N, C-alpha and C. Protein backbone atom coordinates (compact mmCIF):
# COMPACT_ATOMS: atom_id res chain seq x y z
N UNK A 1 -14.82 33.88 -12.96
CA UNK A 1 -15.53 32.96 -12.00
C UNK A 1 -16.00 31.73 -12.81
N UNK A 2 -16.74 31.84 -14.04
CA UNK A 2 -17.33 30.85 -14.74
C UNK A 2 -16.34 30.05 -15.26
N UNK A 3 -15.11 30.56 -15.78
CA UNK A 3 -13.96 29.79 -16.18
C UNK A 3 -13.37 29.01 -15.13
N UNK A 4 -13.27 29.45 -13.83
CA UNK A 4 -12.61 28.77 -12.78
C UNK A 4 -13.64 27.60 -12.52
N UNK A 5 -14.79 27.80 -12.33
CA UNK A 5 -15.86 26.78 -12.14
C UNK A 5 -15.85 25.63 -13.19
N UNK A 6 -15.60 26.14 -14.57
CA UNK A 6 -15.65 25.20 -15.70
C UNK A 6 -14.35 24.27 -15.53
N UNK A 7 -13.23 24.85 -15.22
CA UNK A 7 -11.97 24.23 -15.09
C UNK A 7 -11.98 23.17 -13.88
N UNK A 8 -12.72 23.67 -12.67
CA UNK A 8 -12.77 22.76 -11.62
C UNK A 8 -13.71 21.44 -11.88
N UNK A 9 -14.86 21.87 -12.79
CA UNK A 9 -15.76 20.62 -13.15
C UNK A 9 -14.95 19.78 -14.02
N UNK A 10 -14.10 20.17 -14.85
CA UNK A 10 -13.30 19.34 -15.76
C UNK A 10 -12.32 18.54 -14.97
N UNK A 11 -11.70 19.21 -13.91
CA UNK A 11 -10.78 18.28 -13.16
C UNK A 11 -11.53 17.34 -12.30
N UNK A 12 -12.59 17.57 -11.82
CA UNK A 12 -13.36 16.55 -11.00
C UNK A 12 -13.81 15.41 -11.82
N UNK A 13 -14.29 15.76 -13.12
CA UNK A 13 -14.45 14.66 -14.05
C UNK A 13 -13.43 13.78 -14.33
N UNK A 14 -12.12 14.57 -14.50
CA UNK A 14 -11.09 13.83 -14.85
C UNK A 14 -10.67 12.78 -13.73
N UNK A 15 -10.80 13.11 -12.51
CA UNK A 15 -10.57 12.42 -11.32
C UNK A 15 -11.46 11.25 -11.33
N UNK A 16 -12.87 11.40 -11.57
CA UNK A 16 -13.73 10.17 -11.72
C UNK A 16 -13.38 9.33 -12.84
N UNK A 17 -12.91 9.79 -14.06
CA UNK A 17 -12.46 8.83 -15.03
C UNK A 17 -11.29 8.14 -14.70
N UNK A 18 -10.24 8.73 -13.91
CA UNK A 18 -8.90 8.17 -13.60
C UNK A 18 -9.17 7.06 -12.62
N UNK A 19 -10.20 6.95 -11.86
CA UNK A 19 -10.18 5.83 -10.88
C UNK A 19 -10.95 4.63 -11.50
N UNK A 20 -10.37 3.66 -11.13
CA UNK A 20 -10.97 2.42 -11.66
C UNK A 20 -11.42 1.43 -10.72
N UNK A 21 -11.26 1.66 -9.43
CA UNK A 21 -11.80 0.81 -8.15
C UNK A 21 -12.95 1.63 -7.50
N UNK A 22 -13.71 0.65 -6.95
CA UNK A 22 -14.85 1.30 -6.01
C UNK A 22 -14.42 1.27 -4.50
N UNK A 23 -13.99 2.45 -4.22
CA UNK A 23 -13.51 2.79 -2.88
C UNK A 23 -14.63 2.95 -1.81
N UNK A 24 -15.76 2.62 -2.07
CA UNK A 24 -16.86 2.76 -1.09
C UNK A 24 -17.64 4.07 -1.05
N UNK A 25 -17.72 4.72 -2.17
CA UNK A 25 -18.48 6.00 -2.09
C UNK A 25 -17.86 6.98 -3.12
N UNK A 26 -18.80 7.87 -3.64
CA UNK A 26 -18.47 8.90 -4.52
C UNK A 26 -17.16 9.71 -4.14
N UNK A 27 -17.14 10.21 -3.01
CA UNK A 27 -16.02 11.16 -2.37
C UNK A 27 -14.66 10.21 -2.43
N UNK A 28 -14.76 9.06 -1.89
CA UNK A 28 -13.54 8.15 -1.90
C UNK A 28 -12.97 7.80 -3.29
N UNK A 29 -13.97 7.58 -4.27
CA UNK A 29 -13.56 7.47 -5.59
C UNK A 29 -12.97 8.53 -6.15
N UNK A 30 -13.45 9.80 -5.91
CA UNK A 30 -12.89 11.03 -6.69
C UNK A 30 -11.50 11.29 -5.88
N UNK A 31 -11.36 10.94 -4.67
CA UNK A 31 -10.00 11.15 -4.07
C UNK A 31 -9.09 10.12 -4.64
N UNK A 32 -9.46 8.94 -4.76
CA UNK A 32 -8.59 7.93 -5.48
C UNK A 32 -8.20 8.32 -6.76
N UNK A 33 -9.14 8.83 -7.66
CA UNK A 33 -8.91 9.35 -9.06
C UNK A 33 -7.77 10.47 -8.86
N UNK A 34 -8.00 11.48 -7.98
CA UNK A 34 -6.98 12.37 -7.83
C UNK A 34 -5.58 11.91 -7.53
N UNK A 35 -5.48 10.80 -6.71
CA UNK A 35 -4.23 10.28 -6.36
C UNK A 35 -3.60 9.64 -7.64
N UNK A 36 -4.39 8.96 -8.34
CA UNK A 36 -3.97 8.41 -9.65
C UNK A 36 -3.36 9.52 -10.65
N UNK A 37 -4.03 10.59 -10.73
CA UNK A 37 -3.61 11.59 -11.71
C UNK A 37 -2.35 12.38 -11.06
N UNK A 38 -2.33 12.53 -9.80
CA UNK A 38 -1.19 13.12 -9.06
C UNK A 38 0.11 12.14 -9.35
N UNK A 39 -0.10 10.94 -9.00
CA UNK A 39 1.04 10.03 -9.19
C UNK A 39 1.55 9.96 -10.57
N UNK A 40 0.60 10.05 -11.64
CA UNK A 40 0.76 9.96 -13.17
C UNK A 40 1.62 11.06 -13.54
N UNK A 41 1.23 12.34 -13.20
CA UNK A 41 1.73 13.43 -13.72
C UNK A 41 2.76 14.34 -12.99
N UNK A 42 2.65 14.20 -11.66
CA UNK A 42 3.67 14.76 -10.74
C UNK A 42 4.86 13.80 -10.49
N UNK A 43 4.56 12.50 -10.53
CA UNK A 43 5.60 11.64 -10.12
C UNK A 43 5.89 10.77 -11.46
N UNK A 44 5.33 10.93 -12.61
CA UNK A 44 5.66 10.40 -13.79
C UNK A 44 5.64 8.80 -13.45
N UNK A 45 4.66 8.21 -12.69
CA UNK A 45 4.64 6.97 -12.25
C UNK A 45 4.72 5.86 -13.34
N UNK A 46 5.73 5.01 -13.36
CA UNK A 46 5.71 3.89 -14.40
C UNK A 46 5.37 2.53 -13.64
N UNK A 47 4.27 1.87 -14.16
CA UNK A 47 3.95 0.69 -13.43
C UNK A 47 2.93 -0.08 -14.45
N UNK A 48 2.89 -1.30 -14.07
CA UNK A 48 1.76 -2.14 -14.56
C UNK A 48 0.72 -2.46 -13.53
N UNK A 49 -0.57 -2.48 -13.95
CA UNK A 49 -1.41 -2.68 -12.96
C UNK A 49 -1.15 -3.85 -12.10
N UNK A 50 -1.37 -3.90 -10.84
CA UNK A 50 -1.08 -5.08 -10.01
C UNK A 50 -2.19 -6.07 -10.25
N UNK A 51 -1.68 -7.47 -10.62
CA UNK A 51 -2.56 -8.45 -11.07
C UNK A 51 -3.40 -9.01 -10.05
N UNK A 52 -4.10 -8.27 -9.23
CA UNK A 52 -4.84 -8.86 -8.12
C UNK A 52 -6.11 -9.71 -8.64
N UNK A 53 -6.52 -10.79 -7.95
CA UNK A 53 -7.67 -11.32 -8.33
C UNK A 53 -8.88 -10.49 -8.48
N UNK A 54 -9.83 -10.75 -9.28
CA UNK A 54 -11.04 -9.90 -9.35
C UNK A 54 -11.87 -9.83 -8.13
N UNK A 55 -11.85 -10.97 -7.48
CA UNK A 55 -12.64 -10.98 -6.20
C UNK A 55 -11.95 -11.91 -5.14
N UNK A 56 -12.27 -11.88 -3.86
CA UNK A 56 -11.70 -12.67 -2.97
C UNK A 56 -10.56 -12.04 -2.25
N UNK A 57 -10.19 -12.52 -1.08
CA UNK A 57 -9.12 -11.96 -0.13
C UNK A 57 -7.75 -12.05 -0.83
N UNK A 58 -6.96 -10.99 -0.58
CA UNK A 58 -5.57 -11.14 -1.01
C UNK A 58 -4.66 -10.03 -0.22
N UNK A 59 -3.51 -10.39 -0.07
CA UNK A 59 -2.54 -9.57 0.58
C UNK A 59 -1.52 -8.72 -0.38
N UNK A 60 -1.25 -7.52 -0.25
CA UNK A 60 -0.40 -6.78 -0.98
C UNK A 60 0.82 -6.31 -0.08
N UNK A 61 1.95 -6.85 -0.42
CA UNK A 61 3.18 -6.48 0.32
C UNK A 61 4.12 -5.61 -0.54
N UNK A 62 4.63 -4.63 0.07
CA UNK A 62 5.59 -3.64 -0.55
C UNK A 62 6.70 -3.22 0.20
N UNK A 63 7.92 -2.92 -0.44
CA UNK A 63 8.95 -2.31 0.30
C UNK A 63 8.51 -0.98 0.74
N UNK A 64 9.02 -0.25 1.69
CA UNK A 64 8.61 1.05 2.26
C UNK A 64 9.84 1.88 2.25
N UNK A 65 9.79 2.94 1.13
CA UNK A 65 10.92 3.92 1.12
C UNK A 65 10.58 5.21 1.35
N UNK A 66 9.19 5.60 1.27
CA UNK A 66 8.80 7.05 1.53
C UNK A 66 7.30 6.98 1.81
N UNK A 67 6.85 8.25 2.13
CA UNK A 67 5.40 8.46 2.29
C UNK A 67 4.68 8.55 1.05
N UNK A 68 5.33 8.49 -0.02
CA UNK A 68 4.60 8.34 -1.34
C UNK A 68 4.09 6.94 -1.64
N UNK A 69 4.55 5.84 -0.94
CA UNK A 69 4.38 4.59 -1.33
C UNK A 69 2.86 4.19 -1.24
N UNK A 70 2.10 4.56 -0.28
CA UNK A 70 0.61 4.16 -0.22
C UNK A 70 0.01 4.74 -1.52
N UNK A 71 0.32 5.96 -1.88
CA UNK A 71 -0.43 6.57 -3.07
C UNK A 71 -0.18 5.79 -4.36
N UNK A 72 1.24 5.25 -4.45
CA UNK A 72 1.50 4.53 -5.69
C UNK A 72 0.90 3.27 -5.74
N UNK A 73 0.57 2.66 -4.52
CA UNK A 73 -0.12 1.27 -4.44
C UNK A 73 -1.52 1.63 -4.86
N UNK A 74 -2.08 2.75 -4.36
CA UNK A 74 -3.59 2.98 -4.81
C UNK A 74 -3.64 3.27 -6.22
N UNK A 75 -2.67 3.99 -6.83
CA UNK A 75 -2.68 4.32 -8.34
C UNK A 75 -2.62 2.97 -9.18
N UNK A 76 -1.90 2.01 -8.70
CA UNK A 76 -1.61 0.73 -9.32
C UNK A 76 -2.62 -0.40 -9.11
N UNK A 77 -3.48 -0.24 -8.05
CA UNK A 77 -4.39 -1.28 -7.79
C UNK A 77 -5.69 -1.14 -8.48
N UNK A 78 -6.17 -2.31 -8.99
CA UNK A 78 -7.41 -2.38 -9.73
C UNK A 78 -8.54 -2.52 -8.66
N UNK A 79 -8.14 -2.72 -7.53
CA UNK A 79 -9.22 -2.92 -6.32
C UNK A 79 -8.90 -1.89 -5.07
N UNK A 80 -9.91 -1.88 -4.27
CA UNK A 80 -9.59 -0.88 -3.03
C UNK A 80 -8.76 -1.72 -2.13
N UNK A 81 -8.12 -0.90 -1.50
CA UNK A 81 -6.94 -1.61 -0.31
C UNK A 81 -7.42 -1.17 0.97
N UNK A 82 -7.09 -2.02 1.83
CA UNK A 82 -7.16 -1.75 3.42
C UNK A 82 -5.77 -1.68 4.02
N UNK A 83 -5.11 -0.72 4.13
CA UNK A 83 -3.86 -0.38 4.63
C UNK A 83 -3.66 -0.69 6.08
N UNK A 84 -2.75 -1.45 6.42
CA UNK A 84 -2.32 -1.65 7.95
C UNK A 84 -1.32 -0.56 8.15
N UNK A 85 -1.42 0.41 8.96
CA UNK A 85 -0.38 1.35 9.34
C UNK A 85 -0.20 1.51 10.79
N UNK A 86 0.91 1.93 11.17
CA UNK A 86 1.36 2.13 12.54
C UNK A 86 0.18 3.22 13.16
N UNK A 87 -0.12 2.92 14.49
CA UNK A 87 -1.11 3.76 15.10
C UNK A 87 -0.66 5.23 15.11
N UNK A 88 0.69 5.55 15.36
CA UNK A 88 1.21 6.83 15.39
C UNK A 88 0.97 7.60 14.19
N UNK A 89 1.02 6.75 12.98
CA UNK A 89 0.77 7.55 11.63
C UNK A 89 -0.68 7.60 11.57
N UNK A 90 -1.47 6.76 11.97
CA UNK A 90 -3.02 6.75 11.88
C UNK A 90 -3.54 8.07 12.53
N UNK A 91 -2.72 8.36 13.71
CA UNK A 91 -3.42 9.47 14.47
C UNK A 91 -2.64 10.82 14.15
N UNK A 92 -1.94 10.88 12.94
CA UNK A 92 -1.11 11.96 12.60
C UNK A 92 -2.18 13.14 12.40
N UNK A 93 -1.76 14.25 12.99
CA UNK A 93 -2.88 15.45 12.94
C UNK A 93 -2.97 15.74 11.34
N UNK A 94 -4.27 16.03 11.15
CA UNK A 94 -4.67 16.54 9.91
C UNK A 94 -4.97 15.55 8.85
N UNK A 95 -4.52 14.20 9.16
CA UNK A 95 -4.83 13.03 8.23
C UNK A 95 -5.75 11.94 8.86
N UNK A 96 -6.18 12.02 10.09
CA UNK A 96 -7.03 11.12 10.54
C UNK A 96 -8.25 10.81 9.94
N UNK A 97 -8.88 11.96 9.32
CA UNK A 97 -10.00 11.76 8.55
C UNK A 97 -9.80 10.94 7.22
N UNK A 98 -8.76 11.20 6.52
CA UNK A 98 -8.40 10.37 5.38
C UNK A 98 -8.15 8.96 5.71
N UNK A 99 -7.48 8.52 6.77
CA UNK A 99 -7.37 7.14 7.13
C UNK A 99 -8.50 6.43 7.61
N UNK A 100 -9.45 7.29 8.29
CA UNK A 100 -10.80 6.49 8.59
C UNK A 100 -11.52 6.56 7.43
N UNK A 101 -11.56 7.35 6.48
CA UNK A 101 -12.34 7.21 5.41
C UNK A 101 -11.87 6.04 4.55
N UNK A 102 -10.56 5.88 4.44
CA UNK A 102 -9.97 4.90 3.87
C UNK A 102 -10.12 3.39 4.57
N UNK A 103 -10.72 3.36 5.75
CA UNK A 103 -10.85 2.12 6.44
C UNK A 103 -9.41 1.46 6.74
N UNK A 104 -8.51 2.36 7.02
CA UNK A 104 -7.01 1.66 7.29
C UNK A 104 -7.22 1.19 8.70
N UNK A 105 -6.30 0.16 8.87
CA UNK A 105 -6.27 -0.55 10.13
C UNK A 105 -5.04 -0.25 10.96
N UNK A 106 -5.32 0.53 12.05
CA UNK A 106 -4.22 0.94 12.77
C UNK A 106 -3.64 -0.20 13.74
N UNK A 107 -2.17 -0.30 13.72
CA UNK A 107 -1.46 -1.30 14.37
C UNK A 107 -0.69 -0.67 15.50
N UNK A 108 -1.13 -1.04 16.86
CA UNK A 108 -0.54 -0.60 18.11
C UNK A 108 0.55 -1.53 18.32
N UNK A 109 1.58 -1.35 17.86
CA UNK A 109 2.76 -2.27 18.04
C UNK A 109 3.33 -2.54 19.39
N UNK A 110 3.08 -1.48 20.20
CA UNK A 110 3.57 -1.59 21.53
C UNK A 110 2.70 -2.40 22.48
N UNK A 111 1.44 -2.36 22.10
CA UNK A 111 0.54 -3.02 23.11
C UNK A 111 -0.55 -3.93 22.54
N UNK A 112 -1.28 -3.76 21.49
CA UNK A 112 -2.24 -4.85 21.02
C UNK A 112 -2.01 -5.18 19.57
N UNK A 113 -0.92 -5.51 19.13
CA UNK A 113 -0.91 -5.82 17.65
C UNK A 113 -1.79 -6.80 17.12
N UNK A 114 -2.06 -7.85 18.05
CA UNK A 114 -3.01 -8.92 17.67
C UNK A 114 -4.40 -8.43 17.32
N UNK A 115 -4.84 -7.34 17.85
CA UNK A 115 -6.07 -6.59 17.53
C UNK A 115 -6.21 -6.32 16.16
N UNK A 116 -5.02 -5.71 15.46
CA UNK A 116 -4.95 -5.39 14.14
C UNK A 116 -4.99 -6.50 13.24
N UNK A 117 -4.18 -7.59 13.69
CA UNK A 117 -4.21 -8.76 12.92
C UNK A 117 -5.63 -9.52 12.86
N UNK A 118 -6.31 -9.44 13.95
CA UNK A 118 -7.75 -9.98 13.82
C UNK A 118 -8.66 -9.09 12.90
N UNK A 119 -8.46 -7.92 13.03
CA UNK A 119 -9.21 -7.22 11.94
C UNK A 119 -8.87 -7.30 10.57
N UNK A 120 -7.62 -7.34 10.11
CA UNK A 120 -7.11 -7.77 8.98
C UNK A 120 -7.58 -9.12 8.39
N UNK A 121 -7.51 -10.07 9.40
CA UNK A 121 -8.13 -11.48 8.95
C UNK A 121 -9.63 -11.34 8.69
N UNK A 122 -10.41 -10.50 9.52
CA UNK A 122 -11.75 -10.36 9.08
C UNK A 122 -12.07 -9.74 7.71
N UNK A 123 -11.15 -8.75 7.38
CA UNK A 123 -11.23 -8.05 6.06
C UNK A 123 -10.87 -9.17 4.94
N UNK A 124 -9.92 -10.00 5.17
CA UNK A 124 -9.54 -10.90 4.18
C UNK A 124 -10.71 -12.10 3.94
N UNK A 125 -11.32 -12.47 5.16
CA UNK A 125 -12.36 -13.29 5.09
C UNK A 125 -13.71 -12.74 4.36
N UNK A 126 -13.64 -11.42 4.38
CA UNK A 126 -14.78 -10.72 3.65
C UNK A 126 -14.47 -10.47 2.29
N UNK A 127 -13.34 -11.02 1.76
CA UNK A 127 -12.82 -10.83 0.38
C UNK A 127 -12.03 -9.53 -0.08
N UNK A 128 -11.65 -8.77 0.98
CA UNK A 128 -11.01 -7.58 0.72
C UNK A 128 -9.43 -7.80 0.53
N UNK A 129 -8.80 -6.68 -0.01
CA UNK A 129 -7.39 -6.55 -0.03
C UNK A 129 -6.68 -5.98 1.09
N UNK A 130 -5.74 -6.51 1.64
CA UNK A 130 -5.06 -5.84 2.76
C UNK A 130 -3.52 -5.54 2.30
N UNK A 131 -3.26 -4.29 2.46
CA UNK A 131 -1.85 -3.82 2.05
C UNK A 131 -1.05 -3.56 3.11
N UNK A 132 0.03 -4.21 3.20
CA UNK A 132 1.09 -4.28 4.34
C UNK A 132 2.49 -3.87 3.74
N UNK A 133 3.15 -2.97 4.65
CA UNK A 133 4.65 -2.66 4.42
C UNK A 133 5.29 -3.58 5.48
N UNK A 134 5.76 -4.76 5.10
CA UNK A 134 6.34 -5.62 6.18
C UNK A 134 7.73 -5.24 6.75
N UNK A 135 8.29 -4.16 6.31
CA UNK A 135 9.54 -3.64 6.82
C UNK A 135 9.13 -2.89 8.17
N UNK A 136 7.90 -2.61 8.40
CA UNK A 136 7.56 -1.93 9.68
C UNK A 136 7.84 -0.41 9.77
N UNK A 137 8.03 0.21 8.60
CA UNK A 137 8.42 1.61 8.65
C UNK A 137 9.27 1.73 7.37
N UNK A 138 9.44 3.04 7.16
CA UNK A 138 10.16 3.68 6.11
C UNK A 138 11.62 3.13 6.30
N UNK A 139 12.29 2.47 5.33
CA UNK A 139 13.69 1.98 5.57
C UNK A 139 14.45 1.82 4.21
N UNK A 140 15.47 2.52 4.10
CA UNK A 140 16.37 2.47 2.83
C UNK A 140 17.33 1.35 2.94
N UNK A 141 17.69 0.84 1.85
CA UNK A 141 18.69 -0.21 1.72
C UNK A 141 20.00 0.27 2.20
N UNK A 142 20.37 1.53 2.08
CA UNK A 142 21.59 2.07 2.51
C UNK A 142 21.65 2.15 4.09
N UNK A 143 20.60 1.88 4.61
CA UNK A 143 20.70 1.89 6.09
C UNK A 143 20.91 0.42 6.61
N UNK A 144 21.07 -0.44 5.61
CA UNK A 144 21.47 -2.05 6.08
C UNK A 144 20.19 -2.78 6.09
N UNK A 145 20.42 -4.09 5.96
CA UNK A 145 19.19 -5.03 6.05
C UNK A 145 18.20 -4.90 7.27
N UNK A 146 17.14 -5.12 7.10
CA UNK A 146 16.05 -5.12 8.29
C UNK A 146 15.29 -6.18 8.19
N UNK A 147 15.10 -6.99 9.15
CA UNK A 147 14.27 -8.20 9.05
C UNK A 147 12.80 -7.87 8.87
N UNK A 148 12.05 -8.46 8.00
CA UNK A 148 10.79 -8.19 7.74
C UNK A 148 9.82 -8.62 8.94
N UNK A 149 8.80 -7.96 9.18
CA UNK A 149 7.80 -8.30 10.23
C UNK A 149 7.11 -9.60 9.66
N UNK A 150 6.87 -10.40 10.62
CA UNK A 150 6.22 -11.71 10.26
C UNK A 150 4.65 -11.68 10.11
N UNK A 151 3.94 -10.60 10.34
CA UNK A 151 2.57 -10.50 10.28
C UNK A 151 1.88 -10.79 9.12
N UNK A 152 2.63 -10.40 8.01
CA UNK A 152 2.02 -10.64 6.60
C UNK A 152 1.83 -12.03 6.33
N UNK A 153 3.02 -12.78 6.79
CA UNK A 153 3.07 -14.26 6.44
C UNK A 153 2.14 -14.98 7.45
N UNK A 154 1.80 -14.55 8.57
CA UNK A 154 0.91 -15.06 9.63
C UNK A 154 -0.59 -14.89 9.05
N UNK A 155 -0.77 -13.86 8.47
CA UNK A 155 -2.05 -13.40 7.85
C UNK A 155 -2.34 -14.44 6.66
N UNK A 156 -1.37 -14.68 5.83
CA UNK A 156 -1.42 -15.49 4.67
C UNK A 156 -1.81 -16.92 5.10
N UNK A 157 -0.93 -17.40 6.11
CA UNK A 157 -1.16 -18.64 6.56
C UNK A 157 -2.45 -18.87 7.11
N UNK A 158 -2.95 -17.95 7.91
CA UNK A 158 -4.28 -18.23 8.59
C UNK A 158 -5.46 -18.00 7.69
N UNK A 159 -5.29 -17.18 6.77
CA UNK A 159 -6.48 -17.02 5.81
C UNK A 159 -6.40 -17.72 4.52
N UNK A 160 -5.30 -18.29 4.20
CA UNK A 160 -4.99 -19.02 2.99
C UNK A 160 -5.08 -18.07 1.62
N UNK A 161 -4.91 -16.80 2.02
CA UNK A 161 -4.91 -15.94 1.00
C UNK A 161 -3.29 -15.71 0.33
N UNK A 162 -3.31 -15.44 -0.89
CA UNK A 162 -2.01 -15.18 -1.58
C UNK A 162 -1.32 -13.92 -1.23
N UNK A 163 -0.03 -13.59 -1.20
CA UNK A 163 0.49 -12.47 -1.17
C UNK A 163 1.17 -12.06 -2.45
N UNK A 164 0.87 -10.80 -2.88
CA UNK A 164 1.22 -10.02 -4.16
C UNK A 164 2.47 -9.20 -3.79
N UNK A 165 3.66 -9.46 -4.00
CA UNK A 165 4.72 -8.71 -3.69
C UNK A 165 4.87 -7.67 -4.74
N UNK A 166 5.25 -6.36 -4.37
CA UNK A 166 5.55 -5.27 -5.40
C UNK A 166 6.75 -4.54 -4.84
N UNK A 167 7.62 -3.87 -5.66
CA UNK A 167 8.63 -3.17 -5.25
C UNK A 167 8.62 -1.83 -5.73
N UNK A 168 8.68 -0.67 -5.00
CA UNK A 168 8.84 0.68 -5.33
C UNK A 168 10.27 1.00 -5.53
N UNK A 169 10.60 1.98 -6.45
CA UNK A 169 12.00 2.43 -6.58
C UNK A 169 11.92 3.77 -7.19
N UNK A 170 12.89 4.61 -7.18
CA UNK A 170 13.23 5.84 -7.83
C UNK A 170 12.27 7.00 -7.40
N UNK A 171 11.97 6.94 -6.09
CA UNK A 171 11.23 8.04 -5.41
C UNK A 171 12.27 9.12 -4.98
N UNK A 172 12.15 10.58 -5.51
CA UNK A 172 13.04 11.30 -5.26
C UNK A 172 13.20 11.63 -3.75
N UNK A 173 12.23 11.75 -3.07
CA UNK A 173 12.25 12.08 -1.64
C UNK A 173 12.37 10.86 -0.63
N UNK A 174 12.93 9.80 -1.31
CA UNK A 174 13.03 8.56 -0.52
C UNK A 174 13.71 8.66 0.85
N UNK A 175 13.09 8.16 1.95
CA UNK A 175 13.54 8.21 3.24
C UNK A 175 12.75 9.26 3.90
N UNK A 176 11.89 10.05 3.45
CA UNK A 176 11.03 11.00 3.96
C UNK A 176 9.64 10.72 3.79
N UNK A 177 8.72 11.21 4.80
CA UNK A 177 7.24 11.04 4.61
C UNK A 177 6.60 12.12 3.74
N UNK A 178 6.68 13.38 4.24
CA UNK A 178 5.96 14.42 3.50
C UNK A 178 6.71 14.74 2.32
N UNK A 179 7.93 15.08 2.28
CA UNK A 179 8.79 15.54 1.35
C UNK A 179 8.67 14.64 0.09
N UNK A 180 8.48 13.36 0.20
CA UNK A 180 8.66 12.43 -0.88
C UNK A 180 7.21 12.70 -1.69
N UNK A 181 6.12 13.01 -1.02
CA UNK A 181 4.92 13.26 -1.68
C UNK A 181 4.98 14.35 -2.57
N UNK A 182 5.59 15.52 -2.31
CA UNK A 182 5.49 16.83 -3.00
C UNK A 182 6.80 17.04 -3.86
N UNK A 183 7.77 16.25 -3.65
CA UNK A 183 8.89 16.45 -4.45
C UNK A 183 8.67 15.62 -5.89
N UNK A 184 8.60 16.24 -6.94
CA UNK A 184 8.37 15.52 -8.27
C UNK A 184 9.54 14.49 -8.50
N UNK A 185 9.07 13.26 -9.04
CA UNK A 185 10.09 12.20 -9.17
C UNK A 185 9.67 11.38 -10.33
N UNK A 186 10.26 10.23 -10.72
CA UNK A 186 9.96 9.32 -11.65
C UNK A 186 9.73 7.89 -11.05
N UNK A 187 8.88 7.84 -10.33
CA UNK A 187 8.61 6.59 -9.58
C UNK A 187 8.35 5.37 -10.43
N UNK A 188 8.90 4.15 -10.01
CA UNK A 188 8.73 2.98 -10.69
C UNK A 188 8.21 1.83 -9.68
N UNK A 189 7.23 1.02 -10.17
CA UNK A 189 6.95 -0.23 -9.40
C UNK A 189 7.07 -1.39 -10.27
N UNK A 190 7.64 -2.48 -9.70
CA UNK A 190 7.81 -3.70 -10.33
C UNK A 190 6.98 -4.76 -9.52
N UNK A 191 6.10 -5.48 -10.23
CA UNK A 191 5.40 -6.59 -9.80
C UNK A 191 6.31 -7.81 -9.84
N UNK A 192 6.22 -8.63 -8.71
CA UNK A 192 6.86 -9.85 -8.50
C UNK A 192 5.74 -10.95 -8.45
N UNK A 193 6.23 -12.25 -8.74
CA UNK A 193 5.32 -13.44 -8.73
C UNK A 193 4.64 -13.60 -7.47
N UNK A 194 3.41 -14.07 -7.61
CA UNK A 194 2.49 -14.21 -6.31
C UNK A 194 3.17 -15.31 -5.55
N UNK A 195 2.87 -15.14 -4.16
CA UNK A 195 3.51 -15.96 -3.11
C UNK A 195 2.40 -16.63 -2.41
N UNK A 196 2.33 -18.11 -2.36
CA UNK A 196 1.39 -18.78 -1.60
C UNK A 196 2.17 -19.33 -0.34
N UNK A 197 1.69 -19.05 0.87
CA UNK A 197 2.24 -19.32 2.03
C UNK A 197 1.50 -20.42 2.93
N UNK A 198 0.23 -20.63 2.58
CA UNK A 198 -0.60 -21.62 3.29
C UNK A 198 0.03 -23.05 3.27
N UNK A 199 0.46 -23.45 4.47
CA UNK A 199 0.89 -24.89 4.55
C UNK A 199 2.39 -24.98 4.49
N UNK A 200 3.02 -23.78 4.25
CA UNK A 200 4.47 -23.65 4.16
C UNK A 200 5.06 -23.29 5.54
N UNK A 201 6.33 -23.48 5.78
CA UNK A 201 7.09 -22.99 6.89
C UNK A 201 7.07 -21.47 6.97
N UNK A 202 6.80 -20.93 8.18
CA UNK A 202 6.78 -19.41 8.33
C UNK A 202 8.12 -18.87 8.04
N UNK A 203 9.28 -19.28 8.39
CA UNK A 203 10.49 -18.58 8.09
C UNK A 203 10.79 -18.76 6.54
N UNK A 204 10.57 -19.79 6.15
CA UNK A 204 11.03 -19.92 4.55
C UNK A 204 10.11 -19.16 3.82
N UNK A 205 8.94 -18.91 4.15
CA UNK A 205 7.92 -18.04 3.37
C UNK A 205 8.52 -16.60 3.56
N UNK A 206 8.76 -16.09 4.79
CA UNK A 206 9.29 -14.87 5.11
C UNK A 206 10.51 -14.65 4.20
N UNK A 207 11.44 -15.60 4.10
CA UNK A 207 12.74 -15.45 3.40
C UNK A 207 12.41 -15.30 2.04
N UNK A 208 11.48 -16.00 1.43
CA UNK A 208 11.16 -15.87 0.04
C UNK A 208 10.46 -14.44 -0.27
N UNK A 209 9.65 -13.98 0.63
CA UNK A 209 9.08 -12.60 0.45
C UNK A 209 10.15 -11.56 0.47
N UNK A 210 11.19 -11.69 1.39
CA UNK A 210 12.29 -10.83 1.20
C UNK A 210 13.02 -10.79 0.11
N UNK A 211 13.09 -11.98 -0.61
CA UNK A 211 13.76 -12.07 -1.84
C UNK A 211 12.93 -11.51 -2.95
N UNK A 212 11.62 -11.70 -3.00
CA UNK A 212 10.67 -11.22 -3.99
C UNK A 212 10.68 -9.67 -3.84
N UNK A 213 10.77 -9.02 -2.77
CA UNK A 213 10.94 -7.64 -2.68
C UNK A 213 12.21 -6.96 -2.94
N UNK A 214 13.30 -7.93 -3.26
CA UNK A 214 14.40 -7.39 -3.68
C UNK A 214 15.27 -6.75 -2.55
N UNK A 215 15.11 -7.34 -1.38
CA UNK A 215 15.71 -6.87 -0.06
C UNK A 215 16.74 -7.81 0.35
N UNK A 216 17.85 -7.24 0.94
CA UNK A 216 18.86 -8.12 1.40
C UNK A 216 18.52 -9.00 2.74
N UNK A 217 18.86 -10.17 2.79
CA UNK A 217 18.43 -11.01 3.94
C UNK A 217 19.32 -10.42 5.19
N UNK A 218 18.66 -10.74 6.31
CA UNK A 218 19.50 -10.40 7.41
C UNK A 218 20.11 -11.79 7.89
N UNK A 219 21.23 -11.69 8.16
CA UNK A 219 22.14 -12.85 8.82
C UNK A 219 21.99 -13.10 10.15
N UNK A 220 21.43 -14.28 10.53
CA UNK A 220 21.03 -14.60 11.92
C UNK A 220 22.46 -14.79 12.59
């Protein structure tokens, strides 16, 4: 019993040391630290810390190949993230508490997507980092090109905040939500040059983001 308690204490302390961002509370910080260790040792995650500004609003855009992707972003980010996620994922049984604790922004794509955009704009104006998967869901390149959702560019243009594109690869359970989290892999993340969209044409900025994410363009 004493040995188990000692090991648990060491593990909790390791989680605390692994976390480098303030996620808004002790419990959140320990959860983030656990995610860092999980990605580092289970998925042998290779990455460079995302070069986000130390303060001020910013957008983080990533390709979406699996359910592991948000965990990889958390592990690589020096700042806390506000994820925009589909409402059906936000309401997934057993995970609502985690999404609420992480202040995720649910997107009701069928009814009121503008509501989520307004909440994201408020977060950006408050100096927070908003993370977006502009493909609109898990999508593999083998499935053919998919046009990016324009919300991230609209947010960048309305807030004058930069977009930091990153690309995730080599996730063993790519194409799956739960399986990808628990199947060990050797995940990689590549950081691309920052993108400034304020004052630029919406379509050209979306095309540039597609290129930065290493995705094939959709032919009109």
